[in-house]
Amino acid sequence: MSDELEARLYGVLANRRWAQAAASGGLDAAGRVMDELTDEEWLAAMQAHPRIGERGGHAPASSEREQSRAMQSPPAILAALAAENRIYEEKFGHVFLIAAGGRTGDEILGELRRRMRNDPATEFEEAKRELRQIVRLRLQALASS
C-alpha cells in the first residue's frame, strides 16, 4: 500500500481508517468502512472541512476549487454566509457541509437557511449525505488527475 496514495485519499475523507481501506482494498472496502463510521468519526471528518468562504481544512486546494463559484459572490452574501455558518455551528456542533462545487453563494446560503430548520438528528444525517457526495466528487477528481 502506498503511503502517498493513502495521504491523497485522506484528502478525500479525513478518516485514516477509511483512507487505509480505500488504499488497500479499493472502493468496495472504502464503502464498507464508510458505512461503519461512528458518529465521532463522522464529526471528526466534518471538522476537517473549512467553513464555506474560508480557506484551510485537510484538503485546502480541493475546498478552494469546490467553493470557487460561491467565493465570487457579492460581499453581502459572503458576510451572511460567514455569520450564519457560525450560528449553524452553535446549533449543530459541526461545520455546515454542502457539496459546493458549481453552486453560487446565494444557493448555498439558501440551503444553509433551510437546513437551520432541521432538528439535530435530521441535520446530522443530511450533513453526512453531503459529505458522502463530497467524497464521491473528490474521488472522481482524483481518478481523473
C-alpha atoms as a PDB file:
ATOM      1  CA  MET A   1       0.000   0.000   0.000  1.00  0.00           C
ATOM      2  CA  SER A   2       1.380   3.361  -0.966  1.00  0.00           C
ATOM      3  CA  ASP A   3       1.709   5.992   1.765  1.00  0.00           C
ATOM      4  CA  GLU A   4       1.294   8.626  -0.944  1.00  0.00           C
ATOM      5  CA  LEU A   5      -1.981   7.100  -2.116  1.00  0.00           C
ATOM      6  CA  GLU A   6      -3.252   6.865   1.446  1.00  0.00           C
ATOM      7  CA  ALA A   7      -2.356  10.520   2.023  1.00  0.00           C
ATOM      8  CA  ARG A   8      -4.203  11.551  -1.140  1.00  0.00           C
ATOM      9  CA  LEU A   9      -7.234   9.527  -0.075  1.00  0.00           C
ATOM     10  CA  TYR A  10      -7.140  11.160   3.357  1.00  0.00           C
ATOM     11  CA  GLY A  11      -7.590  14.412   1.412  1.00  0.00           C
ATOM     12  CA  VAL A  12     -10.841  12.956   0.077  1.00  0.00           C
ATOM     13  CA  LEU A  13     -12.189  11.993   3.520  1.00  0.00           C
ATOM     14  CA  ALA A  14     -10.343  12.887   6.717  1.00  0.00           C
ATOM     15  CA  ASN A  15     -10.532   9.449   8.289  1.00  0.00           C
ATOM     16  CA  ARG A  16      -7.420   7.275   8.493  1.00  0.00           C
ATOM     17  CA  ARG A  17      -9.349   4.008   8.685  1.00  0.00           C
ATOM     18  CA  TRP A  18     -11.272   4.900   5.523  1.00  0.00           C
ATOM     19  CA  ALA A  19      -8.148   6.076   3.678  1.00  0.00           C
ATOM     20  CA  GLN A  20      -6.305   2.855   4.568  1.00  0.00           C
ATOM     21  CA  ALA A  21      -9.242   0.724   3.412  1.00  0.00           C
ATOM     22  CA  ALA A  22      -9.528   2.673   0.157  1.00  0.00           C
ATOM     23  CA  ALA A  23      -5.783   2.425  -0.499  1.00  0.00           C
ATOM     24  CA  SER A  24      -5.514  -1.295   0.262  1.00  0.00           C
ATOM     25  CA  GLY A  25      -8.935  -2.669  -0.666  1.00  0.00           C
ATOM     26  CA  GLY A  26     -10.359  -0.246  -3.205  1.00  0.00           C
ATOM     27  CA  LEU A  27     -13.746   1.401  -3.357  1.00  0.00           C
ATOM     28  CA  ASP A  28     -15.744  -1.583  -2.117  1.00  0.00           C
ATOM     29  CA  ALA A  29     -13.664  -1.762   1.066  1.00  0.00           C
ATOM     30  CA  ALA A  30     -13.829   2.019   1.436  1.00  0.00           C
ATOM     31  CA  GLY A  31     -17.608   1.914   1.072  1.00  0.00           C
ATOM     32  CA  ARG A  32     -17.899  -0.723   3.795  1.00  0.00           C
ATOM     33  CA  VAL A  33     -15.723   1.297   6.144  1.00  0.00           C
ATOM     34  CA  MET A  34     -17.691   4.464   5.405  1.00  0.00           C
ATOM     35  CA  ASP A  35     -20.900   2.631   6.308  1.00  0.00           C
ATOM     36  CA  GLU A  36     -19.289   1.632   9.629  1.00  0.00           C
ATOM     37  CA  LEU A  37     -18.012   5.070  10.668  1.00  0.00           C
ATOM     38  CA  THR A  38     -19.070   6.072  14.159  1.00  0.00           C
ATOM     39  CA  ASP A  39     -20.759   9.387  14.853  1.00  0.00           C
ATOM     40  CA  GLU A  40     -17.483  10.576  16.382  1.00  0.00           C
ATOM     41  CA  GLU A  41     -15.587   9.660  13.191  1.00  0.00           C
ATOM     42  CA  TRP A  42     -18.157  11.492  11.060  1.00  0.00           C
ATOM     43  CA  LEU A  43     -17.844  14.561  13.286  1.00  0.00           C
ATOM     44  CA  ALA A  44     -14.052  14.487  13.067  1.00  0.00           C
ATOM     45  CA  ALA A  45     -14.230  14.231   9.270  1.00  0.00           C
ATOM     46  CA  MET A  46     -16.682  17.139   9.180  1.00  0.00           C
ATOM     47  CA  GLN A  47     -14.439  19.267  11.382  1.00  0.00           C
ATOM     48  CA  ALA A  48     -11.607  18.755   8.894  1.00  0.00           C
ATOM     49  CA  HIS A  49     -13.510  20.958   6.413  1.00  0.00           C
ATOM     50  CA  PRO A  50     -13.290  24.741   6.406  1.00  0.00           C
ATOM     51  CA  ARG A  51     -16.393  26.857   6.671  1.00  0.00           C
ATOM     52  CA  ILE A  52     -17.890  27.932   3.365  1.00  0.00           C
ATOM     53  CA  GLY A  53     -15.968  31.032   2.381  1.00  0.00           C
ATOM     54  CA  GLU A  54     -12.880  30.199   4.431  1.00  0.00           C
ATOM     55  CA  ARG A  55      -9.600  28.594   3.492  1.00  0.00           C
ATOM     56  CA  GLY A  56      -7.964  25.690   5.244  1.00  0.00           C
ATOM     57  CA  GLY A  57      -9.113  22.261   6.247  1.00  0.00           C
ATOM     58  CA  HIS A  58      -7.452  18.945   5.493  1.00  0.00           C
ATOM     59  CA  ALA A  59      -7.630  19.435   1.716  1.00  0.00           C
ATOM     60  CA  PRO A  60      -7.401  23.201   1.132  1.00  0.00           C
ATOM     61  CA  ALA A  61      -6.873  23.020  -2.632  1.00  0.00           C
ATOM     62  CA  SER A  62      -9.967  20.853  -3.079  1.00  0.00           C
ATOM     63  CA  SER A  63     -12.085  23.071  -0.838  1.00  0.00           C
ATOM     64  CA  GLU A  64     -10.924  26.188  -2.629  1.00  0.00           C
ATOM     65  CA  ARG A  65     -11.751  24.672  -6.024  1.00  0.00           C
ATOM     66  CA  GLU A  66     -15.154  23.431  -4.836  1.00  0.00           C
ATOM     67  CA  GLN A  67     -16.076  26.827  -3.376  1.00  0.00           C
ATOM     68  CA  SER A  68     -14.720  28.928  -6.239  1.00  0.00           C
ATOM     69  CA  ARG A  69     -18.104  29.925  -7.653  1.00  0.00           C
ATOM     70  CA  ALA A  70     -19.516  30.781  -4.239  1.00  0.00           C
ATOM     71  CA  MET A  71     -16.450  32.900  -3.479  1.00  0.00           C
ATOM     72  CA  GLN A  72     -17.335  35.145  -6.432  1.00  0.00           C
ATOM     73  CA  SER A  73     -20.481  36.265  -4.565  1.00  0.00           C
ATOM     74  CA  PRO A  74     -21.053  39.865  -3.536  1.00  0.00           C
ATOM     75  CA  PRO A  75     -19.586  40.889  -0.166  1.00  0.00           C
ATOM     76  CA  ALA A  76     -23.030  40.960   1.493  1.00  0.00           C
ATOM     77  CA  ILE A  77     -23.623  37.290   0.604  1.00  0.00           C
ATOM     78  CA  LEU A  78     -20.164  36.297   1.831  1.00  0.00           C
ATOM     79  CA  ALA A  79     -20.760  38.179   5.102  1.00  0.00           C
ATOM     80  CA  ALA A  80     -24.139  36.458   5.568  1.00  0.00           C
ATOM     81  CA  LEU A  81     -22.542  33.064   4.916  1.00  0.00           C
ATOM     82  CA  ALA A  82     -19.834  33.765   7.488  1.00  0.00           C
ATOM     83  CA  ALA A  83     -22.311  34.896  10.140  1.00  0.00           C
ATOM     84  CA  GLU A  84     -24.844  32.151   9.533  1.00  0.00           C
ATOM     85  CA  ASN A  85     -22.153  29.454   9.399  1.00  0.00           C
ATOM     86  CA  ARG A  86     -21.282  30.316  12.984  1.00  0.00           C
ATOM     87  CA  ILE A  87     -24.931  30.211  14.075  1.00  0.00           C
ATOM     88  CA  TYR A  88     -25.262  26.823  12.397  1.00  0.00           C
ATOM     89  CA  GLU A  89     -22.183  25.517  14.246  1.00  0.00           C
ATOM     90  CA  GLU A  90     -23.554  26.742  17.573  1.00  0.00           C
ATOM     91  CA  LYS A  91     -26.822  24.922  16.926  1.00  0.00           C
ATOM     92  CA  PHE A  92     -25.476  21.656  15.483  1.00  0.00           C
ATOM     93  CA  GLY A  93     -21.925  21.388  16.843  1.00  0.00           C
ATOM     94  CA  HIS A  94     -20.218  20.898  13.485  1.00  0.00           C
ATOM     95  CA  VAL A  95     -19.337  22.840  10.364  1.00  0.00           C
ATOM     96  CA  PHE A  96     -22.016  23.300   7.685  1.00  0.00           C
ATOM     97  CA  LEU A  97     -21.255  20.894   4.854  1.00  0.00           C
ATOM     98  CA  ILE A  98     -22.569  21.081   1.346  1.00  0.00           C
ATOM     99  CA  ALA A  99     -21.238  19.848  -1.973  1.00  0.00           C
ATOM    100  CA  ALA A 100     -20.436  23.395  -3.045  1.00  0.00           C
ATOM    101  CA  GLY A 101     -18.996  22.748  -6.498  1.00  0.00           C
ATOM    102  CA  GLY A 102     -20.720  24.945  -9.072  1.00  0.00           C
ATOM    103  CA  ARG A 103     -23.110  26.499  -6.542  1.00  0.00           C
ATOM    104  CA  THR A 104     -23.458  30.230  -6.038  1.00  0.00           C
ATOM    105  CA  GLY A 105     -23.243  31.889  -2.657  1.00  0.00           C
ATOM    106  CA  ASP A 106     -26.991  32.599  -2.858  1.00  0.00           C
ATOM    107  CA  GLU A 107     -27.736  28.905  -3.420  1.00  0.00           C
ATOM    108  CA  ILE A 108     -25.542  27.831  -0.534  1.00  0.00           C
ATOM    109  CA  LEU A 109     -26.995  30.479   1.765  1.00  0.00           C
ATOM    110  CA  GLY A 110     -30.493  29.308   0.876  1.00  0.00           C
ATOM    111  CA  GLU A 111     -29.585  25.712   1.714  1.00  0.00           C
ATOM    112  CA  LEU A 112     -27.939  26.757   4.969  1.00  0.00           C
ATOM    113  CA  ARG A 113     -31.078  28.643   5.992  1.00  0.00           C
ATOM    114  CA  ARG A 114     -33.323  25.725   5.029  1.00  0.00           C
ATOM    115  CA  ARG A 115     -31.223  23.271   6.977  1.00  0.00           C
ATOM    116  CA  MET A 116     -31.239  25.504  10.063  1.00  0.00           C
ATOM    117  CA  ARG A 117     -34.886  24.401  10.460  1.00  0.00           C
ATOM    118  CA  ASN A 118     -33.791  20.757  10.850  1.00  0.00           C
ATOM    119  CA  ASP A 119     -33.619  19.091  14.228  1.00  0.00           C
ATOM    120  CA  PRO A 120     -30.080  17.958  15.184  1.00  0.00           C
ATOM    121  CA  ALA A 121     -30.562  14.277  14.236  1.00  0.00           C
ATOM    122  CA  THR A 122     -32.034  15.134  10.829  1.00  0.00           C
ATOM    123  CA  GLU A 123     -29.293  17.655  10.142  1.00  0.00           C
ATOM    124  CA  PHE A 124     -26.545  15.226  11.121  1.00  0.00           C
ATOM    125  CA  GLU A 125     -27.890  12.747   8.558  1.00  0.00           C
ATOM    126  CA  GLU A 126     -28.120  15.484   5.923  1.00  0.00           C
ATOM    127  CA  ALA A 127     -24.554  16.616   6.653  1.00  0.00           C
ATOM    128  CA  LYS A 128     -23.360  13.001   6.312  1.00  0.00           C
ATOM    129  CA  ARG A 129     -25.129  12.733   2.926  1.00  0.00           C
ATOM    130  CA  GLU A 130     -23.421  15.930   1.779  1.00  0.00           C
ATOM    131  CA  LEU A 131     -20.054  14.648   2.961  1.00  0.00           C
ATOM    132  CA  ARG A 132     -20.631  11.397   1.062  1.00  0.00           C
ATOM    133  CA  GLN A 133     -21.345  13.490  -2.046  1.00  0.00           C
ATOM    134  CA  ILE A 134     -18.151  15.499  -1.490  1.00  0.00           C
ATOM    135  CA  VAL A 135     -16.235  12.203  -1.200  1.00  0.00           C
ATOM    136  CA  ARG A 136     -17.724  10.938  -4.484  1.00  0.00           C
ATOM    137  CA  LEU A 137     -16.806  14.137  -6.283  1.00  0.00           C
ATOM    138  CA  ARG A 138     -13.296  14.196  -4.855  1.00  0.00           C
ATOM    139  CA  LEU A 139     -12.740  10.565  -5.797  1.00  0.00           C
ATOM    140  CA  GLN A 140     -13.821  11.379  -9.366  1.00  0.00           C
ATOM    141  CA  ALA A 141     -11.402  14.316  -9.440  1.00  0.00           C
ATOM    142  CA  LEU A 142      -8.619  12.130  -8.040  1.00  0.00           C
ATOM    143  CA  ALA A 143      -9.260   9.425 -10.625  1.00  0.00           C
ATOM    144  CA  SER A 144      -9.144  11.919 -13.481  1.00  0.00           C
ATOM    145  CA  SER A 145      -5.920  13.583 -12.327  1.00  0.00           C
END
